[in-house]
Amino acid sequence: MDLDRSLDEEDWETACDIIEKFDEIQLEDIPIKFLRTMIDKGTDRAVRRAVGTLESLAPRKKEALHALLHYAKSEQDRVRIQAVTALSRLPGEVLSKIPFDTFRLLTTDSKPDIRGLGFVILGAIARVTPEKVHRETWDTEFLREKDHSVRQDILRFSRIVNPIEREERFVTVDTLFLVNWIQKEMNSTRVDIYDLVADMRKKYVNTSHELTEVGNLISHSCAVDAFLFMTPKRYRGHEVHRFNVGTLGLFLLRTNVSESESLEEYIAQLKGLTPEDVEKAWLISAFLHDHAIPLRFMLQIAPIVWDLKTTYKTYPTLLKRFCEVLDEAYFKVFSSALRGIYQSFLEGGKDLLSLRDFVSQELHKIGCPYSPQEGETLPDHGALGAANLTTYLRPLADELIYGNEIIRNSAKAIALHSSSCNIKFNEEPIAFLLVLCDEAQEWGREIAVLPSMVSEFASVKIGPFMYEKERFFEDELMIDFRYPEDEILKKTGFDHKQFKSGKKDAFDRLVCTDPKMKPNKVRPTLKRRPKSFKKL
């Protein structure tokens, strides 16, 4: 046989020419070991030809499929990429017969091309056997992926697994779902969370001079997590959180409360605003609701810094550098008024009453009474954030701040979201929605657990909805939390009873008083993963 001779003589060109002349029937007669020899020892052309032949044979010959799987693990990049490319072109019916973990590993490969092809393969499997592809495990891969094209592959895969067009009574919400949804909403191809936030800010917020200044504050506050993961508190990430809260709120605002009215239109009529103004007020409150967390941290440590500087001779230089680094991260987030109070604390001032008075006066101007919570030494981050927002805009005329209903509603929502008071929908709908979305957004909230970051919740289910051309709320809205296996929760110090109690208390604050309003009740439910689920 000429093929035997060409392989014995390592005449790879002749071997390739012979195979290329074979038809489909003749290919079946080629021993797989010959093709393996061409891949193991041959030229680039021989490798391409042999891999292509294995691809043709794989749907019918198990040995050919296993050979491709073998070379998908090759240490030679050129061989591995060609084998994975061939696998990505096979029908999902063929790929679904292979253990899922085999392809799951491809999504963690060092080569971006292979990671992307891994998600193409998973997508093909998901179309045939969706139950094999657990859809609650991919946000982390997306957020940590640096390659733009691989991010696109992950998004395409997620659209197969959890399509935004699917009319489900309970919608599975995670970061990928919301990225896909907002991309469609804005007709955008952006795949970076920060880019999407910037686009949302430009589209929905930056429409007037005072709101452009608010947009600048949103932009400057993107580094909210810097340093805070190093604090001893069980700190959870906020940068992606604000995107998720804001986008989830837009998703709910687009949902109908009646045949002729969306939630957004209902709120507009309730507050005497336009639907566009409701969007602005919503996104300002969502993107800035936690922006004062690092500011509160700096105000908290400033008196300690002063004491250490005056007590220990070796500390002043080190602490000066530490404060300079904090300033670099957060200088543009502070309003000039709040920064003055911070500077006084660094210089030995300890008049916490002046800070509370400052916050109280600002909240009074927007019609939001402030009373410190029991045992509170510093105002909470919501109250502080509302005061920082209004004083950040203070260089503008007062009527552009305190008389602006968009700013007033946003600042009140920020102040109220961290308080303990009840929030009536018909009085403060933006604050109501902020608490709802803030409490619902548990998926992907990362916690520092050495030696890496860990998130507890993979996704939540929200519903029920009904569909009649549009998506409608029903009488009750349930937020179904499903968290991972116990070993992760033990690492993060998760307290099930405390979580359950906290969610109940938070959602009990939300009061619907309009009997015609849907939903008229919001209720959290908690479910563990089924014991049969195995971590991938």
Protein backbone atom coordinates (compact mmCIF):
# COMPACT_ATOMS: atom_id res chain seq x y z
CA MET A 1 0.00 0.00 0.00
CA ASP A 2 1.47 3.38 -1.03
CA LEU A 3 0.31 4.96 2.22
CA ASP A 4 2.22 2.32 4.24
CA ARG A 5 5.37 2.99 2.26
CA SER A 6 5.13 6.76 2.57
CA LEU A 7 4.74 6.49 6.34
CA ASP A 8 7.64 4.02 6.64
CA GLU A 9 9.83 6.37 4.64
CA GLU A 10 8.42 9.43 6.46
CA ASP A 11 7.46 10.87 3.11
CA TRP A 12 4.79 13.14 4.56
CA GLU A 13 4.02 15.01 1.36
CA THR A 14 3.16 11.79 -0.46
CA ALA A 15 1.09 10.58 2.50
CA CYS A 16 -0.92 13.80 2.46
CA ASP A 17 -1.44 13.62 -1.31
CA ILE A 18 -2.72 10.04 -1.04
CA ILE A 19 -5.20 10.83 1.75
CA GLU A 20 -6.50 13.90 -0.06
CA LYS A 21 -7.45 11.71 -3.02
CA PHE A 22 -9.47 9.31 -0.83
CA ASP A 23 -13.25 9.60 -0.81
CA GLU A 24 -15.40 9.15 2.35
CA ILE A 25 -15.65 5.39 1.88
CA GLN A 26 -11.90 4.94 1.50
CA LEU A 27 -11.19 7.07 4.56
CA GLU A 28 -12.91 4.44 6.69
CA ASP A 29 -10.14 2.01 5.71
CA ILE A 30 -7.29 4.18 6.99
CA PRO A 31 -5.99 2.76 10.28
CA ILE A 32 -6.15 5.39 13.04
CA LYS A 33 -2.61 4.48 14.06
CA PHE A 34 -1.39 5.78 10.68
CA LEU A 35 -3.01 9.11 11.32
CA ARG A 36 -1.52 9.22 14.81
CA THR A 37 1.93 8.63 13.30
CA MET A 38 1.43 11.54 10.92
CA ILE A 39 0.50 13.80 13.85
CA ASP A 40 3.31 12.56 16.11
CA LYS A 41 6.11 12.72 13.56
CA GLY A 42 4.90 14.62 10.52
CA THR A 43 5.21 18.11 9.11
CA ASP A 44 2.67 20.86 9.70
CA ARG A 45 0.83 19.82 6.55
CA ALA A 46 0.78 16.19 7.72
CA VAL A 47 -0.63 17.22 11.09
CA ARG A 48 -3.37 19.32 9.46
CA ARG A 49 -4.27 16.54 7.04
CA ALA A 50 -4.36 13.81 9.71
CA VAL A 51 -6.40 15.94 12.15
CA GLY A 52 -8.82 16.80 9.35
CA THR A 53 -9.26 13.13 8.57
CA LEU A 54 -9.86 12.31 12.24
CA GLU A 55 -12.51 15.04 12.27
CA SER A 56 -14.25 13.43 9.29
CA LEU A 57 -14.15 10.00 10.92
CA ALA A 58 -15.02 11.05 14.50
CA PRO A 59 -18.85 11.03 14.11
CA ARG A 60 -18.69 7.38 12.96
CA LYS A 61 -15.57 5.93 14.56
CA LYS A 62 -15.11 6.13 18.31
CA GLU A 63 -11.38 5.52 17.92
CA ALA A 64 -11.03 8.67 15.80
CA LEU A 65 -12.95 10.73 18.37
CA HIS A 66 -10.75 9.47 21.19
CA ALA A 67 -7.66 10.31 19.14
CA LEU A 68 -8.84 13.91 18.82
CA LEU A 69 -9.49 14.03 22.55
CA HIS A 70 -5.98 12.71 23.15
CA TYR A 71 -4.38 15.42 21.02
CA ALA A 72 -6.56 18.10 22.63
CA LYS A 73 -4.32 17.53 25.67
CA SER A 74 -1.05 17.64 23.69
CA GLU A 75 1.80 19.70 25.10
CA GLN A 76 2.49 20.96 21.57
CA ASP A 77 0.39 24.10 21.05
CA ARG A 78 0.06 23.64 17.28
CA VAL A 79 -1.27 20.11 17.69
CA ARG A 80 -3.55 21.00 20.60
CA ILE A 81 -5.11 23.98 18.81
CA GLN A 82 -5.80 21.97 15.65
CA ALA A 83 -7.33 19.08 17.60
CA VAL A 84 -9.58 21.39 19.64
CA THR A 85 -10.58 23.27 16.48
CA ALA A 86 -11.60 19.96 14.89
CA LEU A 87 -13.62 19.02 18.00
CA SER A 88 -15.39 22.40 17.92
CA ARG A 89 -16.74 21.59 14.45
CA LEU A 90 -18.28 18.26 15.45
CA PRO A 91 -22.04 17.92 15.99
CA GLY A 92 -23.32 18.38 19.53
CA GLU A 93 -24.78 14.85 19.40
CA VAL A 94 -21.24 13.48 19.09
CA LEU A 95 -19.68 15.79 21.67
CA SER A 96 -22.40 15.15 24.26
CA LYS A 97 -21.27 11.52 24.55
CA ILE A 98 -17.96 12.64 26.05
CA PRO A 99 -17.63 13.32 29.82
CA PHE A 100 -18.36 16.99 30.45
CA ASP A 101 -15.19 17.59 32.50
CA THR A 102 -13.08 16.78 29.43
CA PHE A 103 -14.30 19.92 27.70
CA ARG A 104 -14.65 21.95 30.88
CA LEU A 105 -10.86 21.84 31.21
CA LEU A 106 -10.44 23.50 27.83
CA THR A 107 -12.02 26.69 29.18
CA THR A 108 -9.08 27.09 31.58
CA ASP A 109 -6.32 26.50 29.00
CA SER A 110 -3.40 28.95 28.85
CA LYS A 111 -4.15 29.73 25.18
CA PRO A 112 -7.04 32.17 24.54
CA ASP A 113 -7.89 30.41 21.25
CA ILE A 114 -8.43 27.13 23.08
CA ARG A 115 -10.43 28.73 25.90
CA GLY A 116 -12.74 30.29 23.34
CA LEU A 117 -13.14 27.02 21.43
CA GLY A 118 -13.90 25.31 24.73
CA PHE A 119 -16.98 27.52 25.11
CA VAL A 120 -17.93 26.87 21.47
CA ILE A 121 -17.90 23.14 22.25
CA LEU A 122 -19.92 23.62 25.44
CA GLY A 123 -22.44 25.62 23.44
CA ALA A 124 -22.83 22.77 20.94
CA ILE A 125 -23.42 20.36 23.83
CA ALA A 126 -25.90 22.73 25.49
CA ARG A 127 -28.05 22.82 22.35
CA VAL A 128 -28.44 19.02 22.50
CA THR A 129 -28.28 18.19 26.21
CA PRO A 130 -28.65 21.42 28.24
CA GLU A 131 -28.79 19.48 31.49
CA LYS A 132 -25.10 18.58 31.06
CA VAL A 133 -24.05 22.24 31.13
CA HIS A 134 -24.78 23.67 34.57
CA ARG A 135 -25.68 27.28 33.86
CA GLU A 136 -24.77 28.78 37.18
CA THR A 137 -20.99 28.49 36.96
CA TRP A 138 -19.68 30.88 34.31
CA ASP A 139 -19.71 34.46 35.66
CA THR A 140 -16.28 34.11 37.24
CA GLU A 141 -14.72 32.90 33.99
CA PHE A 142 -16.23 35.83 32.14
CA LEU A 143 -15.14 38.48 34.65
CA ARG A 144 -11.57 37.18 34.90
CA GLU A 145 -11.10 36.61 31.18
CA LYS A 146 -8.79 39.23 29.65
CA ASP A 147 -9.15 38.27 25.99
CA HIS A 148 -11.93 40.18 24.20
CA SER A 149 -12.78 37.40 21.72
CA VAL A 150 -12.99 34.76 24.45
CA ARG A 151 -15.40 36.99 26.38
CA GLN A 152 -17.54 37.11 23.27
CA ASP A 153 -17.41 33.30 23.07
CA ILE A 154 -18.52 33.05 26.71
CA LEU A 155 -21.43 35.44 26.07
CA ARG A 156 -22.52 33.47 22.99
CA PHE A 157 -22.40 30.29 25.05
CA SER A 158 -24.43 31.86 27.87
CA ARG A 159 -27.08 32.98 25.38
CA ILE A 160 -27.56 29.33 24.46
CA VAL A 161 -27.72 28.16 28.06
CA ASN A 162 -29.82 31.01 29.48
CA PRO A 163 -31.35 32.98 26.58
CA ILE A 164 -32.72 36.41 27.43
CA GLU A 165 -35.61 35.88 25.00
CA ARG A 166 -36.87 32.76 26.77
CA GLU A 167 -40.30 33.35 28.30
CA GLU A 168 -39.78 31.70 31.67
CA ARG A 169 -41.96 32.27 34.70
CA PHE A 170 -38.81 32.35 36.83
CA VAL A 171 -35.81 34.04 35.23
CA THR A 172 -32.34 32.86 36.22
CA VAL A 173 -30.36 36.05 36.72
CA ASP A 174 -26.58 36.28 36.82
CA THR A 175 -24.00 38.70 35.45
CA LEU A 176 -23.87 37.03 32.02
CA PHE A 177 -27.64 37.23 31.66
CA LEU A 178 -27.58 40.95 32.47
CA VAL A 179 -24.63 41.66 30.15
CA ASN A 180 -26.49 39.98 27.29
CA TRP A 181 -29.68 41.85 28.17
CA ILE A 182 -28.09 45.32 28.37
CA GLN A 183 -26.10 44.70 25.18
CA LYS A 184 -29.36 44.13 23.35
CA GLU A 185 -31.06 47.04 25.13
CA MET A 186 -28.31 49.49 24.11
CA ASN A 187 -27.40 47.78 20.82
CA SER A 188 -23.87 47.43 22.19
CA THR A 189 -21.06 44.95 21.60
CA ARG A 190 -19.09 45.91 24.71
CA VAL A 191 -17.94 42.97 26.82
CA ASP A 192 -16.18 44.75 29.70
CA ILE A 193 -18.27 45.63 32.75
CA TYR A 194 -16.58 49.02 33.18
CA ASP A 195 -17.15 49.88 29.52
CA LEU A 196 -20.81 48.93 29.85
CA VAL A 197 -21.20 51.11 32.95
CA ALA A 198 -19.56 53.98 31.05
CA ASP A 199 -21.95 53.50 28.12
CA MET A 200 -24.96 53.36 30.43
CA ARG A 201 -23.76 56.52 32.15
CA LYS A 202 -23.44 58.36 28.82
CA LYS A 203 -26.74 57.08 27.43
CA TYR A 204 -28.97 57.47 30.49
CA VAL A 205 -27.29 59.99 32.84
CA ASN A 206 -25.05 62.57 31.11
CA THR A 207 -27.83 64.68 29.62
CA SER A 208 -27.37 68.04 31.39
CA HIS A 209 -24.60 69.96 33.14
CA GLU A 210 -25.49 68.89 36.68
CA LEU A 211 -26.00 65.28 35.59
CA THR A 212 -22.67 65.31 33.76
CA GLU A 213 -21.07 66.12 37.12
CA VAL A 214 -22.93 63.15 38.61
CA GLY A 215 -21.58 61.05 35.73
CA ASN A 216 -18.07 62.15 36.68
CA LEU A 217 -18.66 60.99 40.26
CA ILE A 218 -19.87 57.63 38.96
CA SER A 219 -16.72 57.36 36.87
CA HIS A 220 -14.38 58.32 39.74
CA SER A 221 -16.01 55.86 42.15
CA CYS A 222 -15.15 52.79 40.05
CA ALA A 223 -12.31 51.88 42.45
CA VAL A 224 -14.59 51.41 45.43
CA ASP A 225 -13.07 48.01 46.35
CA ALA A 226 -9.45 49.19 46.47
CA PHE A 227 -7.90 48.34 49.88
CA LEU A 228 -11.20 47.27 51.43
CA PHE A 229 -10.68 43.57 50.65
CA MET A 230 -7.73 43.81 53.05
CA THR A 231 -9.86 44.91 55.99
CA PRO A 232 -10.72 42.27 58.61
CA LYS A 233 -14.44 42.64 57.94
CA ARG A 234 -16.14 40.01 55.76
CA TYR A 235 -15.95 42.42 52.84
CA ARG A 236 -17.66 41.66 49.52
CA GLY A 237 -16.98 43.17 46.10
CA HIS A 238 -18.95 46.23 45.00
CA GLU A 239 -17.59 47.22 41.59
CA VAL A 240 -19.40 44.57 39.54
CA HIS A 241 -22.21 44.71 42.11
CA ARG A 242 -23.22 48.20 41.02
CA PHE A 243 -23.47 47.09 37.38
CA ASN A 244 -25.64 44.14 38.39
CA VAL A 245 -27.90 46.24 40.60
CA GLY A 246 -28.32 48.93 37.97
CA THR A 247 -29.00 46.53 35.10
CA LEU A 248 -31.36 44.33 37.12
CA GLY A 249 -33.33 47.46 38.03
CA LEU A 250 -33.61 48.47 34.35
CA PHE A 251 -34.78 44.94 33.53
CA LEU A 252 -37.53 45.22 36.16
CA LEU A 253 -38.44 48.77 35.11
CA ARG A 254 -39.13 47.44 31.61
CA THR A 255 -41.55 44.84 33.04
CA ASN A 256 -45.26 45.62 32.78
CA VAL A 257 -47.50 46.22 35.79
CA SER A 258 -50.61 46.35 33.58
CA GLU A 259 -51.57 45.90 29.95
CA SER A 260 -50.79 49.52 29.16
CA GLU A 261 -48.05 50.45 31.62
CA SER A 262 -44.54 49.37 32.52
CA LEU A 263 -43.12 49.75 36.02
CA GLU A 264 -41.03 52.64 34.72
CA GLU A 265 -44.10 54.44 33.37
CA TYR A 266 -46.01 53.74 36.60
CA ILE A 267 -43.24 55.34 38.68
CA ALA A 268 -43.03 58.30 36.27
CA GLN A 269 -46.73 59.02 36.73
CA LEU A 270 -46.47 58.52 40.49
CA LYS A 271 -43.58 60.99 40.90
CA GLY A 272 -44.47 63.48 38.15
CA LEU A 273 -41.40 62.56 36.10
CA THR A 274 -40.83 61.34 32.57
CA PRO A 275 -39.85 57.67 32.03
CA GLU A 276 -36.41 58.94 30.96
CA ASP A 277 -36.06 60.81 34.26
CA VAL A 278 -36.95 57.63 36.14
CA GLU A 279 -34.13 55.84 34.32
CA LYS A 280 -31.69 58.60 35.25
CA ALA A 281 -32.73 58.65 38.91
CA TRP A 282 -32.57 54.88 39.04
CA LEU A 283 -29.08 54.50 37.56
CA ILE A 284 -27.61 57.34 39.62
CA SER A 285 -28.87 55.69 42.81
CA ALA A 286 -27.80 52.20 41.68
CA PHE A 287 -24.30 53.19 40.56
CA LEU A 288 -23.64 55.39 43.62
CA HIS A 289 -25.50 53.61 46.41
CA ASP A 290 -22.29 52.15 47.90
CA HIS A 291 -19.76 54.74 46.72
CA ALA A 292 -19.28 56.14 50.24
CA ILE A 293 -18.09 52.84 51.76
CA PRO A 294 -14.39 53.72 51.26
CA LEU A 295 -15.05 57.31 52.36
CA ARG A 296 -16.56 56.06 55.61
CA PHE A 297 -13.53 53.79 56.06
CA MET A 298 -11.18 56.77 55.67
CA LEU A 299 -13.19 58.88 58.11
CA GLN A 300 -13.13 55.97 60.55
CA ILE A 301 -9.35 55.49 60.50
CA ALA A 302 -8.40 59.20 60.33
CA PRO A 303 -8.49 59.72 64.15
CA ILE A 304 -6.49 56.52 64.61
CA VAL A 305 -3.89 57.76 62.13
CA TRP A 306 -3.57 60.97 64.17
CA ASP A 307 -3.11 59.08 67.43
CA LEU A 308 -0.44 56.80 65.95
CA LYS A 309 1.42 59.74 64.41
CA THR A 310 1.63 61.54 67.73
CA THR A 311 2.44 58.46 69.81
CA TYR A 312 5.11 56.62 67.80
CA LYS A 313 8.07 58.46 66.29
CA THR A 314 8.56 55.92 63.48
CA TYR A 315 4.98 56.11 62.22
CA PRO A 316 4.46 59.59 60.70
CA THR A 317 6.33 58.91 57.41
CA LEU A 318 4.71 55.52 56.87
CA LEU A 319 1.23 56.79 57.69
CA LYS A 320 1.72 59.80 55.44
CA ARG A 321 2.46 57.45 52.55
CA PHE A 322 -0.52 55.28 53.45
CA CYS A 323 -2.84 58.29 53.42
CA GLU A 324 -1.34 59.45 50.12
CA VAL A 325 -2.20 56.11 48.56
CA LEU A 326 -5.76 56.32 49.89
CA ASP A 327 -6.01 59.85 48.55
CA GLU A 328 -4.86 58.72 45.12
CA ALA A 329 -7.63 56.12 45.02
CA TYR A 330 -10.46 58.23 46.44
CA PHE A 331 -9.52 61.94 46.18
CA LYS A 332 -11.92 62.60 43.27
CA VAL A 333 -14.79 60.82 45.07
CA PHE A 334 -14.84 63.14 48.09
CA SER A 335 -16.89 66.30 47.89
CA SER A 336 -14.90 69.34 48.99
CA ALA A 337 -17.10 69.71 52.09
CA LEU A 338 -16.68 66.12 53.25
CA ARG A 339 -13.00 66.19 52.43
CA GLY A 340 -12.61 69.19 54.79
CA ILE A 341 -14.06 67.14 57.64
CA TYR A 342 -11.72 64.24 56.77
CA GLN A 343 -8.70 66.55 56.81
CA SER A 344 -9.71 67.90 60.22
CA PHE A 345 -9.84 64.33 61.55
CA LEU A 346 -6.34 63.66 60.18
CA GLU A 347 -5.10 66.74 62.03
CA GLY A 348 -6.49 65.69 65.38
CA GLY A 349 -10.08 66.86 65.20
CA LYS A 350 -12.52 64.33 66.68
CA ASP A 351 -15.80 66.19 66.55
CA LEU A 352 -18.05 63.42 65.22
CA LEU A 353 -21.02 65.63 65.98
CA SER A 354 -19.94 68.01 63.20
CA LEU A 355 -20.01 65.12 60.74
CA ARG A 356 -23.45 63.99 61.88
CA ASP A 357 -24.72 67.57 61.68
CA PHE A 358 -23.28 67.89 58.18
CA VAL A 359 -25.07 64.74 57.02
CA SER A 360 -28.30 65.69 58.80
CA GLN A 361 -28.41 69.13 57.17
CA GLU A 362 -27.84 67.72 53.67
CA LEU A 363 -30.51 65.04 54.04
CA HIS A 364 -32.96 67.60 55.43
CA LYS A 365 -32.52 69.65 52.23
CA ILE A 366 -33.68 66.71 50.10
CA GLY A 367 -36.60 65.90 52.39
CA CYS A 368 -35.06 62.87 54.03
CA PRO A 369 -34.97 63.11 57.85
CA TYR A 370 -31.82 61.64 59.38
CA SER A 371 -31.53 60.01 62.76
CA PRO A 372 -28.40 58.03 63.66
CA GLN A 373 -28.95 54.33 64.25
CA GLU A 374 -28.45 52.97 67.76
CA GLY A 375 -24.77 52.65 68.64
CA GLU A 376 -23.70 54.47 65.47
CA THR A 377 -20.51 56.55 65.77
CA LEU A 378 -20.28 57.48 62.08
CA PRO A 379 -23.21 57.95 59.70
CA ASP A 380 -23.87 54.78 57.71
CA HIS A 381 -22.57 54.61 54.14
CA GLY A 382 -25.99 55.35 52.62
CA ALA A 383 -26.55 58.57 54.54
CA LEU A 384 -22.93 59.57 53.99
CA GLY A 385 -23.22 58.77 50.27
CA ALA A 386 -26.34 60.92 49.84
CA ALA A 387 -24.63 63.86 51.57
CA ASN A 388 -21.50 63.39 49.48
CA LEU A 389 -23.58 63.37 46.28
CA THR A 390 -25.38 66.64 47.02
CA THR A 391 -22.25 68.45 48.25
CA TYR A 392 -20.24 67.10 45.32
CA LEU A 393 -22.58 69.19 43.16
CA ARG A 394 -22.48 72.22 45.49
CA PRO A 395 -20.46 74.40 43.07
CA LEU A 396 -23.68 74.41 41.01
CA ALA A 397 -26.66 76.58 41.97
CA ASP A 398 -28.75 75.17 44.82
CA GLU A 399 -31.85 74.90 42.65
CA LEU A 400 -29.92 72.64 40.28
CA ILE A 401 -29.29 70.30 43.21
CA TYR A 402 -31.99 70.42 45.83
CA GLY A 403 -34.71 71.47 43.37
CA ASN A 404 -33.81 68.79 40.86
CA GLU A 405 -36.22 65.87 41.27
CA ILE A 406 -33.78 63.44 39.66
CA ILE A 407 -31.05 64.34 42.18
CA ARG A 408 -33.51 64.42 45.10
CA ASN A 409 -34.94 60.98 44.31
CA SER A 410 -31.49 59.50 43.75
CA ALA A 411 -30.01 60.93 46.95
CA LYS A 412 -33.03 59.87 49.04
CA ALA A 413 -32.81 56.34 47.65
CA ILE A 414 -29.10 56.17 48.50
CA ALA A 415 -29.77 57.41 52.04
CA LEU A 416 -32.72 55.09 52.65
CA HIS A 417 -31.26 51.88 51.24
CA SER A 418 -28.94 51.33 54.22
CA SER A 419 -31.39 52.54 56.86
CA SER A 420 -33.71 50.36 58.92
CA CYS A 421 -36.95 52.23 58.17
CA ASN A 422 -39.82 50.87 56.08
CA ILE A 423 -40.02 52.10 52.49
CA LYS A 424 -43.44 52.56 50.91
CA PHE A 425 -43.48 52.10 47.17
CA ASN A 426 -46.00 54.87 46.51
CA GLU A 427 -43.79 57.35 48.43
CA GLU A 428 -40.24 56.34 47.50
CA PRO A 429 -40.35 53.97 44.48
CA ILE A 430 -36.67 54.48 43.54
CA ALA A 431 -35.56 53.62 47.09
CA PHE A 432 -37.95 50.64 47.07
CA LEU A 433 -36.42 49.33 43.85
CA LEU A 434 -32.88 49.97 45.14
CA VAL A 435 -33.41 47.89 48.28
CA LEU A 436 -35.05 45.13 46.23
CA CYS A 437 -32.22 44.91 43.67
CA ASP A 438 -29.44 45.46 46.22
CA GLU A 439 -30.71 42.62 48.38
CA ALA A 440 -31.40 40.35 45.38
CA GLN A 441 -27.90 40.79 43.94
CA GLU A 442 -26.04 38.07 45.79
CA TRP A 443 -24.55 36.18 42.84
CA GLY A 444 -20.84 36.64 42.18
CA ARG A 445 -20.19 38.84 45.24
CA GLU A 446 -16.57 37.92 45.85
CA ILE A 447 -15.03 37.54 49.28
CA ALA A 448 -11.29 37.41 49.96
CA VAL A 449 -10.49 33.86 51.11
CA LEU A 450 -6.79 33.11 50.90
CA PRO A 451 -5.29 32.26 48.51
CA SER A 452 -8.03 33.45 46.17
CA MET A 453 -11.38 35.18 45.84
CA VAL A 454 -14.55 33.13 46.36
CA SER A 455 -18.19 33.90 45.61
CA GLU A 456 -20.99 32.20 47.50
CA PHE A 457 -24.02 32.52 45.24
CA ALA A 458 -23.98 31.60 41.56
CA SER A 459 -27.33 33.08 40.53
CA VAL A 460 -30.82 33.89 41.74
CA LYS A 461 -34.21 33.11 40.26
CA ILE A 462 -36.68 35.97 40.05
CA GLY A 463 -40.38 35.61 39.29
CA PRO A 464 -43.01 34.59 38.63
CA PHE A 465 -43.69 36.51 35.43
CA MET A 466 -46.39 36.00 32.86
CA TYR A 467 -46.14 36.73 29.15
CA GLU A 468 -48.64 38.19 26.71
CA LYS A 469 -46.40 39.76 24.07
CA GLU A 470 -44.78 41.65 26.99
CA ARG A 471 -43.37 40.47 30.33
CA PHE A 472 -45.73 41.11 33.25
CA PHE A 473 -45.36 41.03 37.03
CA GLU A 474 -47.74 38.82 38.98
CA ASP A 475 -49.11 39.66 42.43
CA GLU A 476 -46.05 38.40 44.29
CA LEU A 477 -42.39 38.69 43.33
CA MET A 478 -40.13 35.99 44.75
CA ILE A 479 -36.34 36.14 44.95
CA ASP A 480 -35.06 32.57 45.08
CA PHE A 481 -31.48 32.33 46.42
CA ARG A 482 -29.57 29.15 45.60
CA TYR A 483 -26.12 28.88 47.09
CA PRO A 484 -23.25 26.42 46.58
CA GLU A 485 -21.99 23.48 48.53
CA ASP A 486 -21.08 23.69 52.19
CA GLU A 487 -17.28 23.67 51.77
CA ILE A 488 -17.38 27.07 50.04
CA LEU A 489 -19.71 28.50 52.66
CA LYS A 490 -17.41 27.31 55.44
CA LYS A 491 -14.47 29.11 53.81
CA THR A 492 -16.34 32.40 53.64
CA GLY A 493 -17.84 32.27 57.13
CA PHE A 494 -21.37 32.19 55.74
CA ASP A 495 -24.08 32.06 58.40
CA HIS A 496 -27.28 30.56 56.98
CA LYS A 497 -29.53 31.69 59.84
CA GLN A 498 -28.15 35.20 59.82
CA PHE A 499 -28.51 35.43 56.04
CA LYS A 500 -32.08 34.18 56.11
CA SER A 501 -33.03 36.53 58.94
CA GLY A 502 -31.30 39.47 57.26
CA LYS A 503 -33.10 38.93 53.97
CA LYS A 504 -36.45 38.59 55.67
CA ASP A 505 -35.90 41.83 57.61
CA ALA A 506 -34.75 43.65 54.47
CA PHE A 507 -37.69 42.58 52.32
CA ASP A 508 -40.14 43.19 55.15
CA ARG A 509 -39.14 46.87 54.93
CA LEU A 510 -40.67 47.04 51.45
CA VAL A 511 -44.30 48.05 51.72
CA CYS A 512 -46.75 48.07 48.80
CA THR A 513 -49.87 50.06 49.66
CA ASP A 514 -51.52 50.34 46.23
CA PRO A 515 -53.87 47.32 45.78
CA LYS A 516 -53.73 47.82 41.99
CA MET A 517 -49.94 47.69 41.94
CA LYS A 518 -48.13 44.54 40.83
CA PRO A 519 -46.16 43.12 42.47
CA ASN A 520 -47.78 43.94 45.79
CA LYS A 521 -45.43 41.75 47.80
CA VAL A 522 -41.74 40.80 47.59
CA ARG A 523 -40.59 37.61 49.29
CA PRO A 524 -37.18 35.89 49.51
CA THR A 525 -36.85 32.11 49.38
CA LEU A 526 -33.69 30.10 50.07
CA LYS A 527 -32.80 26.74 48.60
CA ARG A 528 -29.67 24.68 48.82
CA ARG A 529 -28.31 22.96 45.75
CA PRO A 530 -29.48 19.36 45.35
CA LYS A 531 -27.11 16.86 46.93
CA SER A 532 -26.70 15.12 43.59
CA PHE A 533 -24.97 18.22 42.16
CA LYS A 534 -21.24 17.73 41.82
CA LYS A 535 -18.83 20.61 41.63
CA LEU A 536 -17.26 20.81 38.19
